[in-house]
Amino acid sequence: MHLYVDLQIATTNDANIPDIDKMNTWVKRSLDAAPHFCKDEAELTIRIVDENESNALNLKFRQTDKPTNVLSFPFKNPPGFSLPLLGDLVICQNIIEAQAIEQHKTVQAHWAHMVIHGTLHLLGYDHIKSNDALEMEALETSILVKLNLPHPYTKQ
């Protein structure tokens, strides 16, 4: 499979941001684990932002006036086109770091979880209904465990 991840750093806090190779690995593992994804090519953008941009996007698109860890914007192909674009992930660096501390996880493990979580959203997974949440969380956990990373929903 050909995977292209466009990494955009749009924050002044660029400490602890994983390198593009790790992000590629996490996205690829997510695509490989999703049973309904069977394309030879995929492209997405991961944009790393500060709280202000995260808050503005969260307010505009989810009507929630606060920054958040990851926002997913799936790409919808226009009729008659089949582009390999999955969409965009917007990840707030400072929220990731703060949540990692709160959840007693390494920053790297939480980054992996949020990239995987966001990628699964781009593939149509959701966690609004409890059955869907169980399916998505099981898939996230399976991917992370195969990467030798901790279970994302238990305290370490």
Protein backbone atom coordinates (compact mmCIF):
# COMPACT_ATOMS: atom_id res chain seq x y z
CA MET A 1 0.00 0.00 0.00
CA HIS A 2 1.17 3.51 -0.80
CA LEU A 3 0.55 5.87 2.10
CA TYR A 4 1.22 9.59 2.12
CA VAL A 5 0.94 11.53 5.38
CA ASP A 6 1.36 15.28 5.15
CA LEU A 7 2.57 16.51 8.54
CA GLN A 8 1.96 20.18 9.31
CA ILE A 9 3.43 21.71 12.48
CA ALA A 10 1.41 24.83 13.34
CA THR A 11 2.35 25.27 16.99
CA THR A 12 5.30 26.84 18.77
CA ASN A 13 5.47 23.86 21.15
CA ASP A 14 7.09 21.27 18.92
CA ALA A 15 8.65 19.26 21.77
CA ASN A 16 7.65 15.60 21.96
CA ILE A 17 5.94 15.58 18.56
CA PRO A 18 6.55 12.13 17.07
CA ASP A 19 8.44 11.96 13.81
CA ILE A 20 6.73 11.31 10.49
CA ASP A 21 7.87 7.66 10.44
CA LYS A 22 6.00 6.91 13.67
CA MET A 23 2.91 8.70 12.44
CA ASN A 24 3.05 6.73 9.18
CA THR A 25 3.32 3.49 11.15
CA TRP A 26 0.31 4.34 13.33
CA VAL A 27 -1.82 5.37 10.36
CA LYS A 28 -0.81 2.30 8.33
CA ARG A 29 -1.59 -0.04 11.22
CA SER A 30 -5.01 1.60 11.55
CA LEU A 31 -5.73 1.14 7.86
CA ASP A 32 -4.52 -2.47 7.93
CA ALA A 33 -6.72 -3.27 10.93
CA ALA A 34 -9.91 -1.78 9.49
CA PRO A 35 -11.67 -4.68 7.77
CA HIS A 36 -13.59 -2.50 5.30
CA PHE A 37 -10.56 -0.50 4.11
CA CYS A 38 -9.09 -2.18 1.04
CA LYS A 39 -7.43 0.49 -1.06
CA ASP A 40 -3.93 0.46 -2.51
CA GLU A 41 -3.37 4.13 -1.81
CA ALA A 42 -4.25 6.58 0.96
CA GLU A 43 -3.43 10.16 1.80
CA LEU A 44 -4.17 12.30 4.84
CA THR A 45 -2.96 15.42 6.56
CA ILE A 46 -2.03 15.56 10.23
CA ARG A 47 -1.89 19.14 11.48
CA ILE A 48 -0.40 19.80 14.92
CA VAL A 49 -1.89 22.93 16.47
CA ASP A 50 -2.09 24.98 19.65
CA GLU A 51 -5.14 25.42 21.88
CA ASN A 52 -6.39 28.51 20.04
CA GLU A 53 -6.69 26.78 16.67
CA SER A 54 -8.11 23.62 18.23
CA ASN A 55 -10.68 25.67 20.13
CA ALA A 56 -11.68 27.66 17.03
CA LEU A 57 -12.15 24.51 14.93
CA ASN A 58 -13.97 22.68 17.71
CA LEU A 59 -16.34 25.63 18.12
CA LYS A 60 -16.94 26.02 14.39
CA PHE A 61 -17.47 22.36 13.52
CA ARG A 62 -18.69 20.78 16.78
CA GLN A 63 -20.19 23.80 18.57
CA THR A 64 -17.96 23.07 21.58
CA ASP A 65 -16.10 26.07 22.96
CA LYS A 66 -12.89 24.45 24.18
CA PRO A 67 -9.79 22.88 22.66
CA THR A 68 -9.72 19.12 22.21
CA ASN A 69 -7.15 16.39 21.64
CA VAL A 70 -8.00 15.38 18.06
CA LEU A 71 -10.47 16.50 15.44
CA SER A 72 -11.15 14.39 12.36
CA PHE A 73 -12.36 15.79 9.07
CA PRO A 74 -13.14 12.93 6.65
CA PHE A 75 -12.89 13.68 2.95
CA LYS A 76 -15.98 12.86 0.89
CA ASN A 77 -15.30 12.12 -2.76
CA PRO A 78 -17.47 14.09 -5.16
CA PRO A 79 -19.76 11.98 -7.36
CA GLY A 80 -17.80 10.34 -10.16
CA PHE A 81 -14.40 10.70 -8.47
CA SER A 82 -12.37 8.25 -6.47
CA LEU A 83 -9.47 10.06 -4.86
CA PRO A 84 -7.27 8.36 -2.23
CA LEU A 85 -7.80 11.20 0.25
CA LEU A 86 -8.93 10.10 3.71
CA GLY A 87 -9.15 13.59 5.22
CA ASP A 88 -7.45 15.65 7.88
CA LEU A 89 -6.58 15.15 11.53
CA VAL A 90 -6.01 18.21 13.71
CA ILE A 91 -4.18 17.34 16.92
CA CYS A 92 -3.52 19.74 19.79
CA GLN A 93 0.01 19.16 21.10
CA ASN A 94 -0.53 20.71 24.54
CA ILE A 95 -3.76 18.77 25.13
CA ILE A 96 -1.98 15.50 24.24
CA GLU A 97 0.78 16.23 26.72
CA ALA A 98 -1.63 17.24 29.51
CA GLN A 99 -3.85 14.18 28.97
CA ALA A 100 -0.86 11.85 28.96
CA ILE A 101 0.09 13.14 32.41
CA GLU A 102 -3.53 12.96 33.67
CA GLN A 103 -3.93 9.41 32.35
CA HIS A 104 -0.52 8.23 33.61
CA LYS A 105 0.67 7.37 30.09
CA THR A 106 3.78 8.24 28.18
CA VAL A 107 3.33 11.12 25.77
CA GLN A 108 4.38 8.80 22.93
CA ALA A 109 1.70 6.22 23.84
CA HIS A 110 -0.98 8.90 23.94
CA TRP A 111 0.18 10.32 20.60
CA ALA A 112 -0.11 6.84 19.08
CA HIS A 113 -3.60 6.43 20.53
CA MET A 114 -4.81 9.80 19.23
CA VAL A 115 -3.42 9.25 15.70
CA ILE A 116 -5.00 5.79 15.59
CA HIS A 117 -8.27 7.09 17.08
CA GLY A 118 -8.42 9.95 14.59
CA THR A 119 -7.57 7.71 11.63
CA LEU A 120 -10.37 5.33 12.57
CA HIS A 121 -12.76 8.30 12.63
CA LEU A 122 -11.62 9.13 9.09
CA LEU A 123 -12.56 5.56 8.13
CA GLY A 124 -16.07 5.99 9.51
CA TYR A 125 -15.71 4.56 13.01
CA ASP A 126 -17.44 6.43 15.81
CA HIS A 127 -18.16 6.17 19.52
CA ILE A 128 -21.48 7.96 19.92
CA LYS A 129 -23.53 4.76 20.36
CA SER A 130 -22.28 2.25 22.92
CA ASN A 131 -22.02 -0.66 20.44
CA ASP A 132 -20.01 1.51 18.03
CA ALA A 133 -17.81 2.70 20.90
CA LEU A 134 -17.07 -0.88 21.93
CA GLU A 135 -16.11 -1.80 18.37
CA MET A 136 -13.89 1.25 17.94
CA GLU A 137 -12.21 0.88 21.34
CA ALA A 138 -11.53 -2.81 20.71
CA LEU A 139 -9.90 -1.99 17.38
CA GLU A 140 -7.81 0.81 18.93
CA THR A 141 -6.69 -1.47 21.73
CA SER A 142 -5.79 -4.27 19.32
CA ILE A 143 -3.66 -1.95 17.19
CA LEU A 144 -1.87 -0.44 20.20
CA VAL A 145 -1.17 -3.82 21.81
CA LYS A 146 0.32 -5.10 18.53
CA LEU A 147 2.59 -2.04 18.62
CA ASN A 148 3.66 -3.02 22.16
CA LEU A 149 1.92 0.03 23.59
CA PRO A 150 -0.35 0.00 26.66
CA HIS A 151 -4.11 -0.50 26.67
CA PRO A 152 -5.49 3.00 26.02
CA TYR A 153 -8.47 2.82 28.38
CA THR A 154 -6.87 1.57 31.58
CA LYS A 155 -4.74 3.55 34.00
CA GLN A 156 -1.08 2.65 33.92
